[in-house]
Each structure stands twice: as C-alpha cells, then as structure tokens.
Amino acid sequence: MFITITIQTQKGQADIRIDSEQKISEGLKVLWESGKLPPGHMPDFFRSSVKECLVSAYRTFNEEGIFDGDILTVTE
C-alpha cells in the first residue's frame, strides 16, 4: 500500500508518496540521491507528528505505524 507523507528537514520539506512496506531509510535514500530532498545526511531517527515520538529509519513505514498525512521531521 502506498502512503503520502511529508518529510521535513531544516532546509525544507517535501511531500512524497511511498510504499508503506519499504524501510524508511531505503525509501528516503533514493529521494536524497535524486535531489528531491535537500542535501544532508540520512538520519537514524525521525519524529512522527501523528505518533508524537521517534521512529527508526531502519524499520518499515508500516512497522513504525506511519500512515497517510504524517509528517516525519529529521532529528539531529
């Protein structure tokens, strides 16, 4: 199943549609490499605005309970 989420960094944000069974790090790595997200390192954790907690970049969106409309903010 595909979900639409927002990735927010200090340099901007991007709305993306991505497979919920994909690991967060794998899906976002492709976006960073293609220039669709601002340059920067791939973080280990993101903050979910819906769950109001940290989520691991090494688990799938589905495993972390990330669904349509969530905003993942890069943590430093």
Protein backbone atom coordinates (compact mmCIF):
# COMPACT_ATOMS: atom_id res chain seq x y z
CA MET A 1 0.00 0.00 0.00
CA PHE A 2 1.26 3.47 -0.82
CA ILE A 3 1.08 6.35 1.65
CA THR A 4 1.57 10.09 1.24
CA ILE A 5 3.68 11.77 3.90
CA THR A 6 5.73 14.92 4.40
CA ILE A 7 9.46 14.81 5.15
CA GLN A 8 10.63 17.93 6.94
CA THR A 9 14.28 18.98 7.29
CA GLN A 10 15.93 22.19 8.45
CA LYS A 11 16.35 23.15 4.79
CA GLY A 12 12.79 22.50 3.64
CA GLN A 13 10.15 19.85 3.20
CA ALA A 14 8.81 17.51 0.55
CA ASP A 15 5.54 15.63 0.15
CA ILE A 16 6.12 12.10 -1.08
CA ARG A 17 4.11 9.01 -1.98
CA ILE A 18 5.91 5.83 -0.96
CA ASP A 19 5.34 2.10 -0.34
CA SER A 20 4.48 1.53 3.34
CA GLU A 21 6.31 -1.85 3.30
CA GLN A 22 9.62 -0.19 2.40
CA LYS A 23 12.23 0.61 5.05
CA ILE A 24 12.18 4.32 5.81
CA SER A 25 15.93 4.67 5.20
CA GLU A 26 15.81 2.88 1.83
CA GLY A 27 12.91 4.91 0.50
CA LEU A 28 14.31 8.26 1.59
CA LYS A 29 17.84 7.47 0.41
CA VAL A 30 16.56 7.33 -3.16
CA LEU A 31 14.88 10.73 -2.72
CA TRP A 32 18.01 12.33 -1.24
CA GLU A 33 20.22 10.91 -4.02
CA SER A 34 17.85 12.14 -6.73
CA GLY A 35 17.80 15.66 -5.27
CA LYS A 36 14.10 15.58 -4.35
CA LEU A 37 15.02 16.27 -0.73
CA PRO A 38 17.53 18.91 0.42
CA PRO A 39 21.13 17.67 0.73
CA GLY A 40 22.18 16.24 4.08
CA HIS A 41 22.97 13.02 5.87
CA MET A 42 20.46 10.22 6.33
CA PRO A 43 19.35 10.35 9.96
CA ASP A 44 18.78 7.26 12.11
CA PHE A 45 15.56 8.65 13.59
CA PHE A 46 12.66 10.88 12.61
CA ARG A 47 9.95 12.43 14.78
CA SER A 48 6.40 11.49 13.77
CA SER A 49 3.90 14.31 14.20
CA VAL A 50 0.98 11.86 14.46
CA LYS A 51 2.54 9.46 16.99
CA GLU A 52 4.50 12.26 18.70
CA CYS A 53 7.54 10.03 19.14
CA LEU A 54 10.77 8.99 17.44
CA VAL A 55 10.65 6.37 14.70
CA SER A 56 13.59 4.34 13.43
CA ALA A 57 14.80 4.78 9.86
CA TYR A 58 15.70 1.07 9.82
CA ARG A 59 12.14 -0.22 10.09
CA THR A 60 9.35 -0.04 7.52
CA PHE A 61 6.78 2.73 7.50
CA ASN A 62 4.15 0.12 8.36
CA GLU A 63 6.18 -1.31 11.29
CA GLU A 64 6.53 2.20 12.72
CA GLY A 65 2.81 2.96 12.27
CA ILE A 66 3.38 5.74 9.73
CA PHE A 67 0.25 6.40 7.68
CA ASP A 68 -1.16 8.96 5.23
CA GLY A 69 -0.78 12.56 6.31
CA ASP A 70 2.03 12.03 8.82
CA ILE A 71 4.93 14.47 8.95
CA LEU A 72 8.36 12.99 9.61
CA THR A 73 10.83 15.55 10.91
CA VAL A 74 14.56 14.88 10.71
CA THR A 75 16.15 14.74 14.17
CA GLU A 76 19.78 15.70 14.71
